[in-house]
């Protein structure tokens, strides 16, 4: 990516609306899952817990994945336009959600998705509890990236 091209992409309000805000939306959604959705679903019986987790996972996956890509892209564009290292570090931290999810969370996701609706047990509940703890890592990565982007804007 050339500096001229990056500066063209970086003009106007793109910086504020497409980088820090996108990442803050990702972070807010991730934290919401940890402090509201996950505790609420854990109050359900095992079968309802699994059914709710599957529905929420399917709906949240694309939103969270898209937000990391968009925020990471614009963080990289900001770096190439300004050569300010905080933009690049913020983009790297935000994009770290991908390998973290693939290697740390996906095995649990697959086990839960492969559990038939009527076969939920106490082990299913423990896996969903573990999933919530693992998901908190995504919240932390998002928060760090958001703070880095806000710092870079100063």
N, C-alpha and C. Protein backbone atom coordinates (compact mmCIF):
# COMPACT_ATOMS: atom_id res chain seq x y z
N UNK A 1 0.86 -1.17 0.00
CA UNK A 1 0.00 0.00 0.00
C UNK A 1 0.90 1.23 0.00
N UNK A 2 0.70 2.12 -0.95
CA UNK A 2 1.54 3.31 -1.01
C UNK A 2 1.06 4.35 -0.02
N UNK A 3 1.99 5.19 0.40
CA UNK A 3 1.64 6.25 1.35
C UNK A 3 0.59 7.18 0.74
N UNK A 4 0.71 7.52 -0.56
CA UNK A 4 -0.25 8.41 -1.22
C UNK A 4 -1.66 7.79 -1.19
N UNK A 5 -1.75 6.51 -1.53
CA UNK A 5 -3.04 5.82 -1.52
C UNK A 5 -3.61 5.79 -0.10
N UNK A 6 -2.77 5.49 0.88
CA UNK A 6 -3.21 5.43 2.27
C UNK A 6 -3.70 6.79 2.74
N UNK A 7 -2.98 7.85 2.38
CA UNK A 7 -3.42 9.20 2.78
C UNK A 7 -4.77 9.53 2.15
N UNK A 8 -4.99 9.10 0.91
CA UNK A 8 -6.28 9.32 0.26
C UNK A 8 -7.41 8.61 0.99
N UNK A 9 -7.17 7.39 1.41
CA UNK A 9 -8.18 6.65 2.18
C UNK A 9 -8.40 7.26 3.55
N UNK A 10 -7.38 7.93 4.06
CA UNK A 10 -7.39 8.41 5.44
C UNK A 10 -7.95 9.81 5.57
N UNK A 11 -8.36 10.45 4.49
CA UNK A 11 -8.82 11.82 4.54
C UNK A 11 -10.19 11.94 5.21
N UNK A 12 -10.54 13.14 5.60
CA UNK A 12 -11.85 13.42 6.19
C UNK A 12 -12.04 12.77 7.54
N UNK A 13 -13.26 12.28 7.76
CA UNK A 13 -13.61 11.68 9.04
C UNK A 13 -13.44 10.18 9.07
N UNK A 14 -12.82 9.62 8.02
CA UNK A 14 -12.66 8.17 7.96
C UNK A 14 -11.97 7.66 9.21
N UNK A 15 -10.96 8.39 9.67
CA UNK A 15 -10.20 7.97 10.85
C UNK A 15 -11.12 7.72 12.04
N UNK A 16 -11.95 8.70 12.34
CA UNK A 16 -12.79 8.58 13.54
C UNK A 16 -13.90 7.53 13.37
N UNK A 17 -14.58 7.57 12.23
CA UNK A 17 -15.75 6.71 12.09
C UNK A 17 -15.43 5.28 11.75
N UNK A 18 -14.30 5.02 11.11
CA UNK A 18 -14.03 3.67 10.62
C UNK A 18 -12.96 2.92 11.38
N UNK A 19 -12.32 3.53 12.32
CA UNK A 19 -11.24 2.84 13.03
C UNK A 19 -11.56 2.75 14.52
N UNK A 20 -11.42 3.85 15.23
CA UNK A 20 -11.65 3.82 16.67
C UNK A 20 -13.11 3.46 16.99
N UNK A 21 -14.05 4.02 16.23
CA UNK A 21 -15.45 3.72 16.51
C UNK A 21 -15.80 2.28 16.19
N UNK A 22 -15.32 1.78 15.07
CA UNK A 22 -15.56 0.39 14.71
C UNK A 22 -15.03 -0.54 15.81
N UNK A 23 -13.84 -0.24 16.27
CA UNK A 23 -13.22 -1.07 17.30
C UNK A 23 -13.96 -0.94 18.63
N UNK A 24 -14.44 0.25 18.93
CA UNK A 24 -15.23 0.44 20.15
C UNK A 24 -16.55 -0.33 20.08
N UNK A 25 -17.15 -0.39 18.89
CA UNK A 25 -18.38 -1.18 18.72
C UNK A 25 -18.08 -2.66 18.96
N UNK A 26 -16.99 -3.15 18.38
CA UNK A 26 -16.58 -4.54 18.62
C UNK A 26 -16.40 -4.79 20.11
N UNK A 27 -15.69 -3.90 20.77
CA UNK A 27 -15.39 -4.05 22.19
C UNK A 27 -16.66 -4.01 23.02
N UNK A 28 -17.54 -3.07 22.72
CA UNK A 28 -18.80 -2.98 23.45
C UNK A 28 -19.63 -4.24 23.31
N UNK A 29 -19.69 -4.77 22.10
CA UNK A 29 -20.45 -6.01 21.88
C UNK A 29 -19.82 -7.17 22.63
N UNK A 30 -18.50 -7.26 22.59
CA UNK A 30 -17.81 -8.36 23.29
C UNK A 30 -18.03 -8.27 24.79
N UNK A 31 -17.92 -7.07 25.34
CA UNK A 31 -18.12 -6.89 26.78
C UNK A 31 -19.58 -7.16 27.15
N UNK A 32 -20.52 -6.72 26.31
CA UNK A 32 -21.94 -7.00 26.56
C UNK A 32 -22.17 -8.50 26.70
N UNK A 33 -21.55 -9.27 25.82
CA UNK A 33 -21.70 -10.72 25.90
C UNK A 33 -21.24 -11.23 27.25
N UNK A 34 -20.09 -10.72 27.73
CA UNK A 34 -19.54 -11.19 29.00
C UNK A 34 -20.34 -10.74 30.22
N UNK A 35 -20.85 -9.51 30.22
CA UNK A 35 -21.49 -9.03 31.45
C UNK A 35 -23.01 -9.15 31.45
N UNK A 36 -23.63 -9.36 30.30
CA UNK A 36 -25.09 -9.46 30.26
C UNK A 36 -25.57 -10.78 29.68
N UNK A 37 -25.19 -11.07 28.45
CA UNK A 37 -25.73 -12.24 27.76
C UNK A 37 -25.30 -13.56 28.40
N UNK A 38 -24.01 -13.71 28.64
CA UNK A 38 -23.51 -14.98 29.20
C UNK A 38 -24.10 -15.26 30.59
N UNK A 39 -24.08 -14.31 31.54
CA UNK A 39 -24.68 -14.60 32.84
C UNK A 39 -26.18 -14.91 32.74
N UNK A 40 -26.89 -14.24 31.84
CA UNK A 40 -28.32 -14.49 31.69
C UNK A 40 -28.57 -15.89 31.15
N UNK A 41 -27.82 -16.29 30.15
CA UNK A 41 -28.05 -17.61 29.56
C UNK A 41 -27.70 -18.72 30.55
N UNK A 42 -26.73 -18.48 31.43
CA UNK A 42 -26.34 -19.50 32.41
C UNK A 42 -27.44 -19.77 33.44
N UNK A 43 -28.47 -18.93 33.46
CA UNK A 43 -29.62 -19.15 34.35
C UNK A 43 -30.62 -20.15 33.76
N UNK A 44 -30.46 -20.50 32.49
CA UNK A 44 -31.37 -21.41 31.81
C UNK A 44 -31.04 -22.87 32.14
N UNK A 45 -31.99 -23.77 31.89
CA UNK A 45 -31.71 -25.20 32.03
C UNK A 45 -30.74 -25.60 30.92
N UNK A 46 -30.13 -26.78 31.04
CA UNK A 46 -29.06 -27.18 30.13
C UNK A 46 -29.46 -27.16 28.66
N UNK A 47 -30.64 -27.69 28.33
CA UNK A 47 -31.07 -27.72 26.92
C UNK A 47 -31.32 -26.32 26.37
N UNK A 48 -32.00 -25.49 27.15
CA UNK A 48 -32.26 -24.11 26.72
C UNK A 48 -30.97 -23.31 26.63
N UNK A 49 -30.06 -23.57 27.55
CA UNK A 49 -28.75 -22.91 27.54
C UNK A 49 -28.02 -23.18 26.23
N UNK A 50 -27.96 -24.43 25.84
CA UNK A 50 -27.28 -24.80 24.60
C UNK A 50 -27.99 -24.19 23.39
N UNK A 51 -29.31 -24.26 23.37
CA UNK A 51 -30.07 -23.70 22.24
C UNK A 51 -29.83 -22.20 22.11
N UNK A 52 -29.84 -21.49 23.23
CA UNK A 52 -29.62 -20.04 23.20
C UNK A 52 -28.20 -19.73 22.77
N UNK A 53 -27.22 -20.48 23.29
CA UNK A 53 -25.82 -20.25 22.93
C UNK A 53 -25.63 -20.42 21.42
N UNK A 54 -26.21 -21.48 20.86
CA UNK A 54 -26.06 -21.73 19.42
C UNK A 54 -26.66 -20.59 18.60
N UNK A 55 -27.85 -20.14 18.96
CA UNK A 55 -28.47 -19.03 18.23
C UNK A 55 -27.64 -17.76 18.33
N UNK A 56 -27.21 -17.43 19.53
CA UNK A 56 -26.42 -16.21 19.73
C UNK A 56 -25.08 -16.30 19.01
N UNK A 57 -24.46 -17.47 19.05
CA UNK A 57 -23.16 -17.65 18.40
C UNK A 57 -23.28 -17.42 16.90
N UNK A 58 -24.29 -18.03 16.29
CA UNK A 58 -24.47 -17.89 14.84
C UNK A 58 -24.67 -16.43 14.44
N UNK A 59 -25.44 -15.71 15.26
CA UNK A 59 -25.73 -14.31 14.92
C UNK A 59 -24.54 -13.40 15.21
N UNK A 60 -23.81 -13.67 16.27
CA UNK A 60 -22.71 -12.80 16.65
C UNK A 60 -21.43 -13.02 15.87
N UNK A 61 -21.25 -14.21 15.35
CA UNK A 61 -20.00 -14.56 14.67
C UNK A 61 -19.67 -13.61 13.53
N UNK A 62 -20.60 -13.41 12.61
CA UNK A 62 -20.33 -12.57 11.45
C UNK A 62 -20.13 -11.11 11.84
N UNK A 63 -20.91 -10.64 12.80
CA UNK A 63 -20.76 -9.25 13.22
C UNK A 63 -19.38 -9.01 13.81
N UNK A 64 -18.98 -9.85 14.74
CA UNK A 64 -17.69 -9.66 15.41
C UNK A 64 -16.53 -9.86 14.44
N UNK A 65 -16.62 -10.86 13.58
CA UNK A 65 -15.56 -11.10 12.60
C UNK A 65 -15.41 -9.91 11.66
N UNK A 66 -16.53 -9.37 11.19
CA UNK A 66 -16.50 -8.23 10.27
C UNK A 66 -15.91 -7.00 10.93
N UNK A 67 -16.28 -6.75 12.17
CA UNK A 67 -15.76 -5.57 12.86
C UNK A 67 -14.25 -5.64 13.06
N UNK A 68 -13.72 -6.83 13.31
CA UNK A 68 -12.26 -6.93 13.47
C UNK A 68 -11.55 -6.68 12.14
N UNK A 69 -12.12 -7.17 11.06
CA UNK A 69 -11.50 -6.95 9.74
C UNK A 69 -11.52 -5.47 9.38
N UNK A 70 -12.67 -4.82 9.53
CA UNK A 70 -12.78 -3.41 9.18
C UNK A 70 -11.87 -2.55 10.06
N UNK A 71 -11.92 -2.77 11.37
CA UNK A 71 -11.07 -1.99 12.28
C UNK A 71 -9.60 -2.23 12.03
N UNK A 72 -9.22 -3.48 11.80
CA UNK A 72 -7.82 -3.79 11.50
C UNK A 72 -7.36 -3.16 10.20
N UNK A 73 -8.22 -3.21 9.18
CA UNK A 73 -7.88 -2.60 7.89
C UNK A 73 -7.63 -1.11 8.04
N UNK A 74 -8.57 -0.41 8.69
CA UNK A 74 -8.41 1.04 8.82
C UNK A 74 -7.28 1.41 9.78
N UNK A 75 -6.98 0.56 10.74
CA UNK A 75 -5.80 0.79 11.57
C UNK A 75 -4.52 0.71 10.75
N UNK A 76 -4.46 -0.26 9.84
CA UNK A 76 -3.30 -0.39 8.95
C UNK A 76 -3.21 0.80 7.99
N UNK A 77 -4.36 1.22 7.45
CA UNK A 77 -4.38 2.39 6.57
C UNK A 77 -3.87 3.62 7.33
N UNK A 78 -4.32 3.77 8.57
CA UNK A 78 -3.87 4.91 9.38
C UNK A 78 -2.36 4.86 9.58
N UNK A 79 -1.83 3.69 9.82
CA UNK A 79 -0.38 3.57 9.99
C UNK A 79 0.35 4.00 8.73
N UNK A 80 -0.07 3.50 7.58
CA UNK A 80 0.62 3.83 6.34
C UNK A 80 0.44 5.30 5.94
N UNK A 81 -0.62 5.94 6.43
CA UNK A 81 -0.82 7.36 6.15
C UNK A 81 -0.01 8.25 7.08
N UNK A 82 0.23 7.78 8.30
CA UNK A 82 0.87 8.62 9.31
C UNK A 82 2.20 8.09 9.82
N UNK A 83 2.45 6.81 9.62
CA UNK A 83 3.60 6.11 10.19
C UNK A 83 3.65 6.25 11.71
N UNK A 84 2.49 6.37 12.32
CA UNK A 84 2.35 6.40 13.77
C UNK A 84 2.19 4.96 14.25
N UNK A 85 3.14 4.46 15.01
CA UNK A 85 3.20 3.06 15.42
C UNK A 85 1.98 2.61 16.21
N UNK A 86 1.31 3.52 16.91
CA UNK A 86 0.15 3.12 17.73
C UNK A 86 -1.00 2.60 16.87
N UNK A 87 -1.14 3.14 15.65
CA UNK A 87 -2.17 2.62 14.74
C UNK A 87 -1.87 1.17 14.36
N UNK A 88 -0.62 0.91 14.04
CA UNK A 88 -0.24 -0.45 13.64
C UNK A 88 -0.39 -1.42 14.80
N UNK A 89 0.02 -1.01 15.99
CA UNK A 89 -0.12 -1.88 17.16
C UNK A 89 -1.59 -2.13 17.47
N UNK A 90 -2.42 -1.10 17.39
CA UNK A 90 -3.86 -1.27 17.61
C UNK A 90 -4.47 -2.24 16.62
N UNK A 91 -4.09 -2.11 15.34
CA UNK A 91 -4.59 -3.02 14.31
C UNK A 91 -4.15 -4.45 14.59
N UNK A 92 -2.89 -4.62 14.98
CA UNK A 92 -2.38 -5.97 15.27
C UNK A 92 -3.10 -6.59 16.46
N UNK A 93 -3.33 -5.79 17.50
CA UNK A 93 -4.03 -6.31 18.68
C UNK A 93 -5.47 -6.69 18.31
N UNK A 94 -6.14 -5.83 17.56
CA UNK A 94 -7.52 -6.14 17.16
C UNK A 94 -7.56 -7.39 16.29
N UNK A 95 -6.67 -7.48 15.31
CA UNK A 95 -6.65 -8.65 14.43
C UNK A 95 -6.19 -9.91 15.14
N UNK A 96 -5.54 -9.77 16.29
CA UNK A 96 -5.14 -10.94 17.08
C UNK A 96 -6.35 -11.73 17.55
N UNK A 97 -7.54 -11.12 17.48
CA UNK A 97 -8.76 -11.86 17.81
C UNK A 97 -8.95 -13.07 16.91
N UNK A 98 -8.50 -12.97 15.66
CA UNK A 98 -8.66 -14.10 14.74
C UNK A 98 -7.86 -15.32 15.18
N UNK A 99 -6.54 -15.24 15.33
CA UNK A 99 -5.83 -16.45 15.78
C UNK A 99 -6.23 -16.88 17.18
N UNK A 100 -6.53 -15.92 18.06
CA UNK A 100 -6.98 -16.28 19.40
C UNK A 100 -8.27 -17.10 19.33
N UNK A 101 -9.20 -16.64 18.51
CA UNK A 101 -10.46 -17.36 18.37
C UNK A 101 -10.24 -18.73 17.74
N UNK A 102 -9.45 -18.78 16.67
CA UNK A 102 -9.22 -20.05 15.97
C UNK A 102 -8.57 -21.08 16.88
N UNK A 103 -7.52 -20.68 17.59
CA UNK A 103 -6.76 -21.66 18.37
C UNK A 103 -7.28 -21.87 19.79
N UNK A 104 -7.85 -20.85 20.42
CA UNK A 104 -8.28 -20.99 21.81
C UNK A 104 -9.76 -21.30 21.95
N UNK A 105 -10.59 -20.71 21.10
CA UNK A 105 -12.04 -20.82 21.30
C UNK A 105 -12.71 -21.81 20.36
N UNK A 106 -12.23 -21.94 19.13
CA UNK A 106 -12.89 -22.80 18.15
C UNK A 106 -13.08 -24.24 18.60
N UNK A 107 -12.11 -24.88 19.26
CA UNK A 107 -12.38 -26.26 19.71
C UNK A 107 -13.62 -26.36 20.61
N UNK A 108 -13.79 -25.40 21.50
CA UNK A 108 -14.98 -25.39 22.36
C UNK A 108 -16.22 -25.11 21.52
N UNK A 109 -16.14 -24.14 20.61
CA UNK A 109 -17.27 -23.83 19.73
C UNK A 109 -17.73 -25.07 18.97
N UNK A 110 -16.78 -25.81 18.40
CA UNK A 110 -17.13 -26.99 17.61
C UNK A 110 -17.79 -28.06 18.47
N UNK A 111 -17.27 -28.28 19.66
CA UNK A 111 -17.89 -29.28 20.54
C UNK A 111 -19.32 -28.87 20.88
N UNK A 112 -19.52 -27.60 21.16
CA UNK A 112 -20.87 -27.13 21.49
C UNK A 112 -21.79 -27.20 20.28
N UNK A 113 -21.32 -26.79 19.12
CA UNK A 113 -22.16 -26.83 17.92
C UNK A 113 -22.51 -28.27 17.53
N UNK A 114 -21.63 -29.21 17.83
CA UNK A 114 -21.88 -30.62 17.50
C UNK A 114 -22.72 -31.35 18.54
N UNK A 115 -23.04 -30.69 19.64
CA UNK A 115 -23.88 -31.32 20.66
C UNK A 115 -25.34 -31.22 20.21
N UNK A 116 -26.02 -32.35 20.05
CA UNK A 116 -27.43 -32.31 19.64
C UNK A 116 -28.28 -31.57 20.67
N UNK A 117 -29.34 -30.94 20.19
CA UNK A 117 -30.20 -30.10 21.04
C UNK A 117 -30.67 -30.81 22.30
N UNK A 118 -31.07 -32.05 22.20
CA UNK A 118 -31.60 -32.75 23.37
C UNK A 118 -30.54 -33.44 24.21
N UNK A 119 -29.28 -33.30 23.85
CA UNK A 119 -28.21 -34.03 24.54
C UNK A 119 -27.40 -33.16 25.49
N UNK A 120 -27.89 -31.97 25.82
CA UNK A 120 -27.15 -31.07 26.71
C UNK A 120 -27.11 -31.66 28.12
N UNK A 121 -25.95 -31.56 28.74
CA UNK A 121 -25.73 -32.10 30.09
C UNK A 121 -25.00 -31.06 30.93
N UNK A 122 -24.63 -31.47 32.13
CA UNK A 122 -23.82 -30.60 33.00
C UNK A 122 -22.48 -30.29 32.34
N UNK A 123 -21.95 -31.24 31.55
CA UNK A 123 -20.70 -31.00 30.82
C UNK A 123 -20.88 -29.89 29.78
N UNK A 124 -22.04 -29.84 29.14
CA UNK A 124 -22.35 -28.78 28.19
C UNK A 124 -22.33 -27.43 28.90
N UNK A 125 -22.93 -27.39 30.08
CA UNK A 125 -22.94 -26.17 30.89
C UNK A 125 -21.52 -25.74 31.24
N UNK A 126 -20.67 -26.69 31.62
CA UNK A 126 -19.27 -26.36 31.94
C UNK A 126 -18.54 -25.81 30.70
N UNK A 127 -18.81 -26.41 29.54
CA UNK A 127 -18.17 -25.93 28.31
C UNK A 127 -18.61 -24.50 27.98
N UNK A 128 -19.90 -24.21 28.17
CA UNK A 128 -20.38 -22.86 27.90
C UNK A 128 -19.81 -21.88 28.92
N UNK A 129 -19.65 -22.32 30.15
CA UNK A 129 -18.98 -21.48 31.15
C UNK A 129 -17.55 -21.19 30.76
N UNK A 130 -16.85 -22.23 30.29
CA UNK A 130 -15.47 -22.06 29.82
C UNK A 130 -15.43 -21.15 28.60
N UNK A 131 -16.39 -21.31 27.70
CA UNK A 131 -16.46 -20.45 26.52
C UNK A 131 -16.55 -18.98 26.95
N UNK A 132 -17.34 -18.69 27.97
CA UNK A 132 -17.47 -17.31 28.45
C UNK A 132 -16.15 -16.75 28.95
N UNK A 133 -15.39 -17.58 29.65
CA UNK A 133 -14.07 -17.14 30.13
C UNK A 133 -13.15 -16.89 28.94
N UNK A 134 -13.15 -17.80 27.98
CA UNK A 134 -12.32 -17.62 26.78
C UNK A 134 -12.74 -16.38 26.00
N UNK A 135 -14.05 -16.15 25.91
CA UNK A 135 -14.55 -14.99 25.18
C UNK A 135 -14.09 -13.68 25.84
N UNK A 136 -13.89 -13.69 27.14
CA UNK A 136 -13.40 -12.49 27.82
C UNK A 136 -12.05 -12.05 27.25
N UNK A 137 -11.27 -12.98 26.75
CA UNK A 137 -10.01 -12.62 26.09
C UNK A 137 -10.25 -11.75 24.87
N UNK A 138 -11.32 -12.00 24.15
CA UNK A 138 -11.67 -11.16 23.00
C UNK A 138 -12.05 -9.76 23.46
N UNK A 139 -12.75 -9.69 24.58
CA UNK A 139 -13.12 -8.38 25.14
C UNK A 139 -11.88 -7.59 25.51
N UNK A 140 -10.91 -8.26 26.13
CA UNK A 140 -9.67 -7.60 26.53
C UNK A 140 -8.89 -7.11 25.31
N UNK A 141 -8.76 -7.96 24.30
CA UNK A 141 -8.06 -7.55 23.07
C UNK A 141 -8.75 -6.34 22.43
N UNK A 142 -10.07 -6.36 22.39
CA UNK A 142 -10.81 -5.23 21.82
C UNK A 142 -10.60 -3.96 22.61
N UNK A 143 -10.61 -4.07 23.94
CA UNK A 143 -10.42 -2.89 24.78
C UNK A 143 -9.02 -2.31 24.59
N UNK A 144 -8.02 -3.16 24.55
CA UNK A 144 -6.65 -2.68 24.34
C UNK A 144 -6.54 -1.99 22.98
N UNK A 145 -7.10 -2.59 21.93
CA UNK A 145 -7.05 -1.99 20.60
C UNK A 145 -7.77 -0.64 20.58
N UNK A 146 -8.94 -0.57 21.22
CA UNK A 146 -9.68 0.69 21.27
C UNK A 146 -8.86 1.78 21.94
N UNK A 147 -8.25 1.45 23.08
CA UNK A 147 -7.44 2.43 23.80
C UNK A 147 -6.23 2.87 22.97
N UNK A 148 -5.62 1.93 22.26
CA UNK A 148 -4.49 2.29 21.39
C UNK A 148 -4.93 3.24 20.27
N UNK A 149 -6.08 2.97 19.66
CA UNK A 149 -6.57 3.84 18.59
C UNK A 149 -6.92 5.23 19.13
N UNK A 150 -7.55 5.28 20.30
CA UNK A 150 -7.87 6.58 20.89
C UNK A 150 -6.59 7.34 21.24
N UNK A 151 -5.60 6.64 21.73
CA UNK A 151 -4.30 7.25 22.04
C UNK A 151 -3.64 7.77 20.76
N UNK A 152 -3.74 7.01 19.69
CA UNK A 152 -3.13 7.41 18.42
C UNK A 152 -3.78 8.67 17.86
N UNK A 153 -5.06 8.86 18.15
CA UNK A 153 -5.77 10.04 17.64
C UNK A 153 -5.38 11.32 18.36
N UNK A 154 -4.78 11.22 19.52
CA UNK A 154 -4.44 12.43 20.31
C UNK A 154 -3.31 13.19 19.70
